[in-house]
Amino acid sequence: MTRKAIRMQLYPGYENEYKKRHDELWPEMRNMLKDHGVINYAIFLDKETNALFGYLEIEDEDKWAQSAYTEINQKWWNHMADIMETNEDHSPKTVNLVEVFNFN
């Protein structure tokens, strides 16, 4: 298992909408995440900065990377592009975070 952490940026005023969209995550998206090796995925919001912190536990880095090319993931990115910072392909702008401590 591999742990990953990322930072993303939500536009101001969209905190409730972001949560709502994830509370209503499409079944096809859930299945795609499982099919691409996601064991655990949590997203946290820093209300002072609107920064989003994503934490993932995945089976395999290559398997996870392939999720970006799925039709449902592309549809999800388009669905989220109006409320957060994205790249030209509507993928979220992310910063990979470096693990500096882990307590098991």
PDB file of N, CA and C in Angstrom:
ATOM      1  N   MET A   1       0.829  -1.177   0.000  1.00  0.00           N
ATOM      2  CA  MET A   1       0.000   0.000   0.000  1.00  0.00           C
ATOM      3  C   MET A   1       0.881   1.253   0.000  1.00  0.00           C
ATOM      4  N   THR A   2       0.442   2.261  -0.737  1.00  0.00           N
ATOM      5  CA  THR A   2       1.147   3.533  -0.821  1.00  0.00           C
ATOM      6  C   THR A   2       0.243   4.631  -0.286  1.00  0.00           C
ATOM      7  N   ARG A   3       0.808   5.513   0.526  1.00  0.00           N
ATOM      8  CA  ARG A   3       0.087   6.699   1.007  1.00  0.00           C
ATOM      9  C   ARG A   3       0.443   7.870   0.119  1.00  0.00           C
ATOM     10  N   LYS A   4      -0.572   8.670  -0.219  1.00  0.00           N
ATOM     11  CA  LYS A   4      -0.356   9.875  -1.013  1.00  0.00           C
ATOM     12  C   LYS A   4      -1.084  11.024  -0.332  1.00  0.00           C
ATOM     13  N   ALA A   5      -0.538  12.203  -0.454  1.00  0.00           N
ATOM     14  CA  ALA A   5      -1.207  13.404   0.043  1.00  0.00           C
ATOM     15  C   ALA A   5      -1.065  14.496  -1.003  1.00  0.00           C
ATOM     16  N   ILE A   6      -2.169  15.210  -1.229  1.00  0.00           N
ATOM     17  CA  ILE A   6      -2.165  16.282  -2.219  1.00  0.00           C
ATOM     18  C   ILE A   6      -2.869  17.508  -1.650  1.00  0.00           C
ATOM     19  N   ARG A   7      -2.510  18.650  -2.212  1.00  0.00           N
ATOM     20  CA  ARG A   7      -3.193  19.904  -1.871  1.00  0.00           C
ATOM     21  C   ARG A   7      -3.854  20.438  -3.133  1.00  0.00           C
ATOM     22  N   MET A   8      -5.073  20.913  -2.980  1.00  0.00           N
ATOM     23  CA  MET A   8      -5.826  21.515  -4.087  1.00  0.00           C
ATOM     24  C   MET A   8      -6.407  22.827  -3.567  1.00  0.00           C
ATOM     25  N   GLN A   9      -7.027  23.597  -4.447  1.00  0.00           N
ATOM     26  CA  GLN A   9      -7.551  24.898  -4.036  1.00  0.00           C
ATOM     27  C   GLN A   9      -9.003  25.056  -4.490  1.00  0.00           C
ATOM     28  N   LEU A  10      -9.859  25.336  -3.523  1.00  0.00           N
ATOM     29  CA  LEU A  10     -11.277  25.570  -3.767  1.00  0.00           C
ATOM     30  C   LEU A  10     -11.519  27.067  -3.912  1.00  0.00           C
ATOM     31  N   TYR A  11     -12.390  27.447  -4.831  1.00  0.00           N
ATOM     32  CA  TYR A  11     -12.741  28.858  -4.957  1.00  0.00           C
ATOM     33  C   TYR A  11     -13.566  29.293  -3.738  1.00  0.00           C
ATOM     34  N   PRO A  12     -13.382  30.534  -3.274  1.00  0.00           N
ATOM     35  CA  PRO A  12     -14.138  31.042  -2.131  1.00  0.00           C
ATOM     36  C   PRO A  12     -15.647  30.968  -2.376  1.00  0.00           C
ATOM     37  N   GLY A  13     -16.377  30.595  -1.335  1.00  0.00           N
ATOM     38  CA  GLY A  13     -17.830  30.544  -1.400  1.00  0.00           C
ATOM     39  C   GLY A  13     -18.397  29.220  -1.886  1.00  0.00           C
ATOM     40  N   TYR A  14     -17.547  28.260  -2.218  1.00  0.00           N
ATOM     41  CA  TYR A  14     -18.027  26.988  -2.744  1.00  0.00           C
ATOM     42  C   TYR A  14     -17.832  25.817  -1.777  1.00  0.00           C
ATOM     43  N   GLU A  15     -17.585  26.120  -0.529  1.00  0.00           N
ATOM     44  CA  GLU A  15     -17.336  25.064   0.451  1.00  0.00           C
ATOM     45  C   GLU A  15     -18.515  24.091   0.537  1.00  0.00           C
ATOM     46  N   ASN A  16     -19.725  24.618   0.658  1.00  0.00           N
ATOM     47  CA  ASN A  16     -20.908  23.754   0.792  1.00  0.00           C
ATOM     48  C   ASN A  16     -21.167  22.966  -0.489  1.00  0.00           C
ATOM     49  N   GLU A  17     -20.983  23.600  -1.627  1.00  0.00           N
ATOM     50  CA  GLU A  17     -21.203  22.918  -2.904  1.00  0.00           C
ATOM     51  C   GLU A  17     -20.190  21.790  -3.103  1.00  0.00           C
ATOM     52  N   TYR A  18     -18.936  22.033  -2.720  1.00  0.00           N
ATOM     53  CA  TYR A  18     -17.906  21.002  -2.838  1.00  0.00           C
ATOM     54  C   TYR A  18     -18.285  19.791  -1.992  1.00  0.00           C
ATOM     55  N   LYS A  19     -18.696  20.046  -0.753  1.00  0.00           N
ATOM     56  CA  LYS A  19     -19.103  18.954   0.136  1.00  0.00           C
ATOM     57  C   LYS A  19     -20.316  18.233  -0.425  1.00  0.00           C
ATOM     58  N   LYS A  20     -21.295  18.973  -0.909  1.00  0.00           N
ATOM     59  CA  LYS A  20     -22.515  18.379  -1.473  1.00  0.00           C
ATOM     60  C   LYS A  20     -22.181  17.450  -2.641  1.00  0.00           C
ATOM     61  N   ARG A  21     -21.333  17.905  -3.536  1.00  0.00           N
ATOM     62  CA  ARG A  21     -20.986  17.077  -4.693  1.00  0.00           C
ATOM     63  C   ARG A  21     -20.285  15.792  -4.273  1.00  0.00           C
ATOM     64  N   HIS A  22     -19.475  15.866  -3.243  1.00  0.00           N
ATOM     65  CA  HIS A  22     -18.800  14.651  -2.778  1.00  0.00           C
ATOM     66  C   HIS A  22     -19.735  13.771  -1.948  1.00  0.00           C
ATOM     67  N   ASP A  23     -20.661  14.367  -1.234  1.00  0.00           N
ATOM     68  CA  ASP A  23     -21.663  13.572  -0.517  1.00  0.00           C
ATOM     69  C   ASP A  23     -22.522  12.783  -1.502  1.00  0.00           C
ATOM     70  N   GLU A  24     -22.686  13.326  -2.703  1.00  0.00           N
ATOM     71  CA  GLU A  24     -23.494  12.693  -3.749  1.00  0.00           C
ATOM     72  C   GLU A  24     -22.613  12.048  -4.827  1.00  0.00           C
ATOM     73  N   LEU A  25     -21.427  11.619  -4.446  1.00  0.00           N
ATOM     74  CA  LEU A  25     -20.490  11.037  -5.409  1.00  0.00           C
ATOM     75  C   LEU A  25     -21.177   9.934  -6.217  1.00  0.00           C
ATOM     76  N   TRP A  26     -21.041  10.029  -7.524  1.00  0.00           N
ATOM     77  CA  TRP A  26     -21.692   9.081  -8.422  1.00  0.00           C
ATOM     78  C   TRP A  26     -21.208   7.655  -8.162  1.00  0.00           C
ATOM     79  N   PRO A  27     -22.115   6.678  -8.197  1.00  0.00           N
ATOM     80  CA  PRO A  27     -21.707   5.270  -8.005  1.00  0.00           C
ATOM     81  C   PRO A  27     -20.616   4.838  -8.986  1.00  0.00           C
ATOM     82  N   GLU A  28     -20.677   5.333 -10.230  1.00  0.00           N
ATOM     83  CA  GLU A  28     -19.661   4.973 -11.224  1.00  0.00           C
ATOM     84  C   GLU A  28     -18.286   5.492 -10.821  1.00  0.00           C
ATOM     85  N   MET A  29     -18.259   6.644 -10.168  1.00  0.00           N
ATOM     86  CA  MET A  29     -16.992   7.209  -9.708  1.00  0.00           C
ATOM     87  C   MET A  29     -16.449   6.386  -8.544  1.00  0.00           C
ATOM     88  N   ARG A  30     -17.315   6.006  -7.628  1.00  0.00           N
ATOM     89  CA  ARG A  30     -16.893   5.134  -6.514  1.00  0.00           C
ATOM     90  C   ARG A  30     -16.286   3.839  -7.054  1.00  0.00           C
ATOM     91  N   ASN A  31     -16.978   3.237  -8.015  1.00  0.00           N
ATOM     92  CA  ASN A  31     -16.493   1.979  -8.594  1.00  0.00           C
ATOM     93  C   ASN A  31     -15.154   2.157  -9.290  1.00  0.00           C
ATOM     94  N   MET A  32     -15.001   3.272 -10.025  1.00  0.00           N
ATOM     95  CA  MET A  32     -13.741   3.523 -10.717  1.00  0.00           C
ATOM     96  C   MET A  32     -12.600   3.647  -9.707  1.00  0.00           C
ATOM     97  N   LEU A  33     -12.843   4.361  -8.618  1.00  0.00           N
ATOM     98  CA  LEU A  33     -11.797   4.519  -7.608  1.00  0.00           C
ATOM     99  C   LEU A  33     -11.382   3.156  -7.047  1.00  0.00           C
ATOM    100  N   LYS A  34     -12.356   2.327  -6.710  1.00  0.00           N
ATOM    101  CA  LYS A  34     -12.050   0.983  -6.197  1.00  0.00           C
ATOM    102  C   LYS A  34     -11.305   0.160  -7.250  1.00  0.00           C
ATOM    103  N   ASP A  35     -11.800   0.233  -8.494  1.00  0.00           N
ATOM    104  CA  ASP A  35     -11.174  -0.545  -9.580  1.00  0.00           C
ATOM    105  C   ASP A  35      -9.734  -0.112  -9.854  1.00  0.00           C
ATOM    106  N   HIS A  36      -9.399   1.125  -9.489  1.00  0.00           N
ATOM    107  CA  HIS A  36      -8.040   1.629  -9.712  1.00  0.00           C
ATOM    108  C   HIS A  36      -7.204   1.642  -8.435  1.00  0.00           C
ATOM    109  N   GLY A  37      -7.605   0.801  -7.488  1.00  0.00           N
ATOM    110  CA  GLY A  37      -6.762   0.519  -6.339  1.00  0.00           C
ATOM    111  C   GLY A  37      -6.854   1.469  -5.166  1.00  0.00           C
ATOM    112  N   VAL A  38      -7.896   2.281  -5.097  1.00  0.00           N
ATOM    113  CA  VAL A  38      -8.027   3.177  -3.952  1.00  0.00           C
ATOM    114  C   VAL A  38      -8.598   2.384  -2.775  1.00  0.00           C
ATOM    115  N   ILE A  39      -7.861   2.371  -1.688  1.00  0.00           N
ATOM    116  CA  ILE A  39      -8.269   1.690  -0.466  1.00  0.00           C
ATOM    117  C   ILE A  39      -8.984   2.666   0.458  1.00  0.00           C
ATOM    118  N   ASN A  40      -8.464   3.879   0.535  1.00  0.00           N
ATOM    119  CA  ASN A  40      -8.994   4.910   1.424  1.00  0.00           C
ATOM    120  C   ASN A  40      -8.722   6.258   0.770  1.00  0.00           C
ATOM    121  N   TYR A  41      -9.726   7.152   0.829  1.00  0.00           N
ATOM    122  CA  TYR A  41      -9.560   8.487   0.239  1.00  0.00           C
ATOM    123  C   TYR A  41     -10.351   9.456   1.096  1.00  0.00           C
ATOM    124  N   ALA A  42      -9.673  10.440   1.626  1.00  0.00           N
ATOM    125  CA  ALA A  42     -10.326  11.468   2.439  1.00  0.00           C
ATOM    126  C   ALA A  42      -9.850  12.831   1.966  1.00  0.00           C
ATOM    127  N   ILE A  43     -10.746  13.807   2.021  1.00  0.00           N
ATOM    128  CA  ILE A  43     -10.399  15.179   1.656  1.00  0.00           C
ATOM    129  C   ILE A  43     -10.799  16.085   2.809  1.00  0.00           C
ATOM    130  N   PHE A  44      -9.893  16.974   3.197  1.00  0.00           N
ATOM    131  CA  PHE A  44     -10.120  17.908   4.295  1.00  0.00           C
ATOM    132  C   PHE A  44     -10.052  19.333   3.751  1.00  0.00           C
ATOM    133  N   LEU A  45     -10.804  20.233   4.366  1.00  0.00           N
ATOM    134  CA  LEU A  45     -10.837  21.634   3.960  1.00  0.00           C
ATOM    135  C   LEU A  45     -10.266  22.518   5.054  1.00  0.00           C
ATOM    136  N   ASP A  46      -9.345  23.408   4.689  1.00  0.00           N
ATOM    137  CA  ASP A  46      -8.877  24.464   5.585  1.00  0.00           C
ATOM    138  C   ASP A  46      -9.764  25.675   5.305  1.00  0.00           C
ATOM    139  N   LYS A  47     -10.692  25.956   6.205  1.00  0.00           N
ATOM    140  CA  LYS A  47     -11.677  27.021   5.990  1.00  0.00           C
ATOM    141  C   LYS A  47     -11.063  28.412   5.914  1.00  0.00           C
ATOM    142  N   GLU A  48      -9.886  28.599   6.490  1.00  0.00           N
ATOM    143  CA  GLU A  48      -9.236  29.916   6.434  1.00  0.00           C
ATOM    144  C   GLU A  48      -8.655  30.225   5.058  1.00  0.00           C
ATOM    145  N   THR A  49      -8.198  29.201   4.347  1.00  0.00           N
ATOM    146  CA  THR A  49      -7.517  29.423   3.067  1.00  0.00           C
ATOM    147  C   THR A  49      -8.231  28.793   1.869  1.00  0.00           C
ATOM    148  N   ASN A  50      -9.269  28.000   2.136  1.00  0.00           N
ATOM    149  CA  ASN A  50      -9.966  27.211   1.107  1.00  0.00           C
ATOM    150  C   ASN A  50      -9.058  26.172   0.459  1.00  0.00           C
ATOM    151  N   ALA A  51      -7.959  25.840   1.121  1.00  0.00           N
ATOM    152  CA  ALA A  51      -7.098  24.769   0.630  1.00  0.00           C
ATOM    153  C   ALA A  51      -7.747  23.428   0.963  1.00  0.00           C
ATOM    154  N   LEU A  52      -7.665  22.517   0.011  1.00  0.00           N
ATOM    155  CA  LEU A  52      -8.148  21.159   0.199  1.00  0.00           C
ATOM    156  C   LEU A  52      -6.942  20.245   0.363  1.00  0.00           C
ATOM    157  N   PHE A  53      -7.011  19.344   1.325  1.00  0.00           N
ATOM    158  CA  PHE A  53      -5.950  18.379   1.564  1.00  0.00           C
ATOM    159  C   PHE A  53      -6.532  16.996   1.324  1.00  0.00           C
ATOM    160  N   GLY A  54      -6.006  16.309   0.315  1.00  0.00           N
ATOM    161  CA  GLY A  54      -6.459  14.960   0.014  1.00  0.00           C
ATOM    162  C   GLY A  54      -5.452  13.942   0.524  1.00  0.00           C
ATOM    163  N   TYR A  55      -5.981  12.887   1.166  1.00  0.00           N
ATOM    164  CA  TYR A  55      -5.150  11.785   1.642  1.00  0.00           C
ATOM    165  C   TYR A  55      -5.676  10.506   1.019  1.00  0.00           C
ATOM    166  N   LEU A  56      -4.786   9.771   0.354  1.00  0.00           N
ATOM    167  CA  LEU A  56      -5.164   8.527  -0.300  1.00  0.00           C
ATOM    168  C   LEU A  56      -4.271   7.386   0.141  1.00  0.00           C
ATOM    169  N   GLU A  57      -4.853   6.217   0.210  1.00  0.00           N
ATOM    170  CA  GLU A  57      -4.106   4.980   0.343  1.00  0.00           C
ATOM    171  C   GLU A  57      -4.456   4.177  -0.897  1.00  0.00           C
ATOM    172  N   ILE A  58      -3.446   3.829  -1.669  1.00  0.00           N
ATOM    173  CA  ILE A  58      -3.668   3.135  -2.940  1.00  0.00           C
ATOM    174  C   ILE A  58      -2.858   1.840  -2.991  1.00  0.00           C
ATOM    175  N   GLU A  59      -3.327   0.922  -3.835  1.00  0.00           N
ATOM    176  CA  GLU A  59      -2.634  -0.358  -4.010  1.00  0.00           C
ATOM    177  C   GLU A  59      -1.363  -0.212  -4.830  1.00  0.00           C
ATOM    178  N   ASP A  60      -1.436   0.619  -5.878  1.00  0.00           N
ATOM    179  CA  ASP A  60      -0.351   0.659  -6.851  1.00  0.00           C
ATOM    180  C   ASP A  60      -0.349   2.009  -7.560  1.00  0.00           C
ATOM    181  N   GLU A  61       0.790   2.630  -7.652  1.00  0.00           N
ATOM    182  CA  GLU A  61       0.912   3.961  -8.260  1.00  0.00           C
ATOM    183  C   GLU A  61       0.514   3.960  -9.743  1.00  0.00           C
ATOM    184  N   ASP A  62       0.930   2.948 -10.492  1.00  0.00           N
ATOM    185  CA  ASP A  62       0.599   2.885 -11.921  1.00  0.00           C
ATOM    186  C   ASP A  62      -0.902   2.698 -12.136  1.00  0.00           C
ATOM    187  N   LYS A  63      -1.496   1.837 -11.334  1.00  0.00           N
ATOM    188  CA  LYS A  63      -2.940   1.601 -11.411  1.00  0.00           C
ATOM    189  C   LYS A  63      -3.700   2.894 -11.122  1.00  0.00           C
ATOM    190  N   TRP A  64      -3.249   3.623 -10.103  1.00  0.00           N
ATOM    191  CA  TRP A  64      -3.874   4.900  -9.748  1.00  0.00           C
ATOM    192  C   TRP A  64      -3.732   5.908 -10.878  1.00  0.00           C
ATOM    193  N   ALA A  65      -2.560   5.981 -11.483  1.00  0.00           N
ATOM    194  CA  ALA A  65      -2.310   6.941 -12.559  1.00  0.00           C
ATOM    195  C   ALA A  65      -3.255   6.717 -13.738  1.00  0.00           C
ATOM    196  N   GLN A  66      -3.627   5.479 -13.986  1.00  0.00           N
ATOM    197  CA  GLN A  66      -4.519   5.162 -15.108  1.00  0.00           C
ATOM    198  C   GLN A  66      -5.944   5.683 -14.878  1.00  0.00           C
ATOM    199  N   SER A  67      -6.304   5.980 -13.652  1.00  0.00           N
ATOM    200  CA  SER A  67      -7.659   6.474 -13.368  1.00  0.00           C
ATOM    201  C   SER A  67      -7.927   7.808 -14.067  1.00  0.00           C
ATOM    202  N   ALA A  68      -6.891   8.588 -14.291  1.00  0.00           N
ATOM    203  CA  ALA A  68      -7.048   9.890 -14.939  1.00  0.00           C
ATOM    204  C   ALA A  68      -7.601   9.763 -16.353  1.00  0.00           C
ATOM    205  N   TYR A  69      -7.403   8.627 -16.987  1.00  0.00           N
ATOM    206  CA  TYR A  69      -7.802   8.447 -18.380  1.00  0.00           C
ATOM    207  C   TYR A  69      -9.183   7.818 -18.542  1.00  0.00           C
ATOM    208  N   THR A  70      -9.854   7.542 -17.439  1.00  0.00           N
ATOM    209  CA  THR A  70     -11.177   6.924 -17.545  1.00  0.00           C
ATOM    210  C   THR A  70     -12.221   7.974 -17.920  1.00  0.00           C
ATOM    211  N   GLU A  71     -13.236   7.531 -18.611  1.00  0.00           N
ATOM    212  CA  GLU A  71     -14.314   8.432 -19.041  1.00  0.00           C
ATOM    213  C   GLU A  71     -15.023   9.059 -17.840  1.00  0.00           C
ATOM    214  N   ILE A  72     -15.267   8.266 -16.794  1.00  0.00           N
ATOM    215  CA  ILE A  72     -15.987   8.794 -15.632  1.00  0.00           C
ATOM    216  C   ILE A  72     -15.146   9.831 -14.893  1.00  0.00           C
ATOM    217  N   ASN A  73     -13.843   9.639 -14.847  1.00  0.00           N
ATOM    218  CA  ASN A  73     -12.985  10.624 -14.188  1.00  0.00           C
ATOM    219  C   ASN A  73     -12.964  11.937 -14.972  1.00  0.00           C
ATOM    220  N   GLN A  74     -12.911  11.847 -16.286  1.00  0.00           N
ATOM    221  CA  GLN A  74     -12.960  13.046 -17.120  1.00  0.00           C
ATOM    222  C   GLN A  74     -14.280  13.797 -16.887  1.00  0.00           C
ATOM    223  N   LYS A  75     -15.366  13.051 -16.785  1.00  0.00           N
ATOM    224  CA  LYS A  75     -16.678  13.650 -16.527  1.00  0.00           C
ATOM    225  C   LYS A  75     -16.690  14.328 -15.157  1.00  0.00           C
ATOM    226  N   TRP A  76     -16.074  13.689 -14.152  1.00  0.00           N
ATOM    227  CA  TRP A  76     -16.007  14.265 -12.804  1.00  0.00           C
ATOM    228  C   TRP A  76     -15.199  15.559 -12.802  1.00  0.00           C
ATOM    229  N   TRP A  77     -14.061  15.542 -13.476  1.00  0.00           N
ATOM    230  CA  TRP A  77     -13.246  16.762 -13.551  1.00  0.00           C
ATOM    231  C   TRP A  77     -14.039  17.910 -14.152  1.00  0.00           C
ATOM    232  N   ASN A  78     -14.779  17.644 -15.216  1.00  0.00           N
ATOM    233  CA  ASN A  78     -15.606  18.682 -15.830  1.00  0.00           C
ATOM    234  C   ASN A  78     -16.685  19.184 -14.866  1.00  0.00           C
ATOM    235  N   HIS A  79     -17.237  18.264 -14.104  1.00  0.00           N
ATOM    236  CA  HIS A  79     -18.274  18.589 -13.119  1.00  0.00           C
ATOM    237  C   HIS A  79     -17.745  19.497 -12.009  1.00  0.00           C
ATOM    238  N   MET A  80     -16.471  19.350 -11.668  1.00  0.00           N
ATOM    239  CA  MET A  80     -15.884  20.090 -10.546  1.00  0.00           C
ATOM    240  C   MET A  80     -15.158  21.370 -10.979  1.00  0.00           C
ATOM    241  N   ALA A  81     -14.919  21.545 -12.257  1.00  0.00           N
ATOM    242  CA  ALA A  81     -14.063  22.631 -12.753  1.00  0.00           C
ATOM    243  C   ALA A  81     -14.572  24.030 -12.419  1.00  0.00           C
ATOM    244  N   ASP A  82     -15.866  24.186 -12.198  1.00  0.00           N
ATOM    245  CA  ASP A  82     -16.399  25.523 -11.932  1.00  0.00           C
ATOM    246  C   ASP A  82     -16.213  25.983 -10.495  1.00  0.00           C
ATOM    247  N   ILE A  83     -15.768  25.088  -9.602  1.00  0.00           N
ATOM    248  CA  ILE A  83     -15.673  25.479  -8.194  1.00  0.00           C
ATOM    249  C   ILE A  83     -14.266  25.368  -7.604  1.00  0.00           C
ATOM    250  N   MET A  84     -13.291  24.959  -8.428  1.00  0.00           N
ATOM    251  CA  MET A  84     -11.931  24.823  -7.905  1.00  0.00           C
ATOM    252  C   MET A  84     -10.910  25.109  -8.995  1.00  0.00           C
ATOM    253  N   GLU A  85      -9.686  25.372  -8.584  1.00  0.00           N
ATOM    254  CA  GLU A  85      -8.613  25.628  -9.544  1.00  0.00           C
ATOM    255  C   GLU A  85      -8.311  24.349 -10.313  1.00  0.00           C
ATOM    256  N   THR A  86      -8.262  24.483 -11.654  1.00  0.00           N
ATOM    257  CA  THR A  86      -8.007  23.322 -12.500  1.00  0.00           C
ATOM    258  C   THR A  86      -6.984  23.665 -13.580  1.00  0.00           C
ATOM    259  N   ASN A  87      -6.458  22.617 -14.179  1.00  0.00           N
ATOM    260  CA  ASN A  87      -5.591  22.734 -15.339  1.00  0.00           C
ATOM    261  C   ASN A  87      -6.456  22.867 -16.584  1.00  0.00           C
ATOM    262  N   GLU A  88      -5.827  23.045 -17.732  1.00  0.00           N
ATOM    263  CA  GLU A  88      -6.572  23.207 -18.990  1.00  0.00           C
ATOM    264  C   GLU A  88      -7.475  22.018 -19.295  1.00  0.00           C
ATOM    265  N   ASP A  89      -7.079  20.814 -18.882  1.00  0.00           N
ATOM    266  CA  ASP A  89      -7.903  19.623 -19.134  1.00  0.00           C
ATOM    267  C   ASP A  89      -8.958  19.409 -18.053  1.00  0.00           C
ATOM    268  N   HIS A  90      -9.117  20.388 -17.172  1.00  0.00           N
ATOM    269  CA  HIS A  90     -10.064  20.393 -16.043  1.00  0.00           C
ATOM    270  C   HIS A  90      -9.646  19.483 -14.895  1.00  0.00           C
ATOM    271  N   SER A  91      -8.479  18.862 -14.971  1.00  0.00           N
ATOM    272  CA  SER A  91      -7.981  18.121 -13.816  1.00  0.00           C
ATOM    273  C   SER A  91      -7.671  19.128 -12.718  1.00  0.00           C
ATOM    274  N   PRO A  92      -7.879  18.754 -11.467  1.00  0.00           N
ATOM    275  CA  PRO A  92      -7.575  19.704 -10.398  1.00  0.00           C
ATOM    276  C   PRO A  92      -6.084  20.030 -10.357  1.00  0.00           C
ATOM    277  N   LYS A  93      -5.781  21.298 -10.127  1.00  0.00           N
ATOM    278  CA  LYS A  93      -4.385  21.665  -9.882  1.00  0.00           C
ATOM    279  C   LYS A  93      -4.020  21.075  -8.536  1.00  0.00           C
ATOM    280  N   THR A  94      -2.999  20.244  -8.532  1.00  0.00           N
ATOM    281  CA  THR A  94      -2.592  19.593  -7.291  1.00  0.00           C
ATOM    282  C   THR A  94      -1.115  19.818  -7.021  1.00  0.00           C
ATOM    283  N   VAL A  95      -0.796  19.807  -5.754  1.00  0.00           N
ATOM    284  CA  VAL A  95       0.582  19.823  -5.287  1.00  0.00           C
ATOM    285  C   VAL A  95       0.757  18.549  -4.484  1.00  0.00           C
ATOM    286  N   ASN A  96       1.715  17.718  -4.873  1.00  0.00           N
ATOM    287  CA  ASN A  96       2.007  16.518  -4.095  1.00  0.00           C
ATOM    288  C   ASN A  96       2.731  16.928  -2.826  1.00  0.00           C
ATOM    289  N   LEU A  97       2.270  16.417  -1.713  1.00  0.00           N
ATOM    290  CA  LEU A  97       2.884  16.716  -0.424  1.00  0.00           C
ATOM    291  C   LEU A  97       3.824  15.587  -0.028  1.00  0.00           C
ATOM    292  N   VAL A  98       4.883  15.925   0.657  1.00  0.00           N
ATOM    293  CA  VAL A  98       5.907  14.967   1.065  1.00  0.00           C
ATOM    294  C   VAL A  98       5.621  14.517   2.495  1.00  0.00           C
ATOM    295  N   GLU A  99       5.573  13.222   2.682  1.00  0.00           N
ATOM    296  CA  GLU A  99       5.359  12.686   4.021  1.00  0.00           C
ATOM    297  C   GLU A  99       6.620  12.892   4.869  1.00  0.00           C
ATOM    298  N   VAL A 100       6.457  13.519   6.012  1.00  0.00           N
ATOM    299  CA  VAL A 100       7.595  13.755   6.900  1.00  0.00           C
ATOM    300  C   VAL A 100       7.430  13.044   8.243  1.00  0.00           C
ATOM    301  N   PHE A 101       6.244  12.493   8.497  1.00  0.00           N
ATOM    302  CA  PHE A 101       6.015  11.788   9.755  1.00  0.00           C
ATOM    303  C   PHE A 101       4.827  10.854   9.577  1.00  0.00           C
ATOM    304  N   ASN A 102       4.926   9.676  10.171  1.00  0.00           N
ATOM    305  CA  ASN A 102       3.818   8.731  10.189  1.00  0.00           C
ATOM    306  C   ASN A 102       3.892   7.945  11.486  1.00  0.00           C
ATOM    307  N   PHE A 103       2.803   7.892  12.194  1.00  0.00           N
ATOM    308  CA  PHE A 103       2.732   7.129  13.443  1.00  0.00           C
ATOM    309  C   PHE A 103       1.738   6.007  13.273  1.00  0.00           C
ATOM    310  N   ASN A 104       2.211   4.787  13.299  1.00  0.00           N
ATOM    311  CA  ASN A 104       1.337   3.594  13.207  1.00  0.00           C
ATOM    312  C   ASN A 104       1.266   2.918  14.540  1.00  0.00           C
TER     313      ASN A 104
END
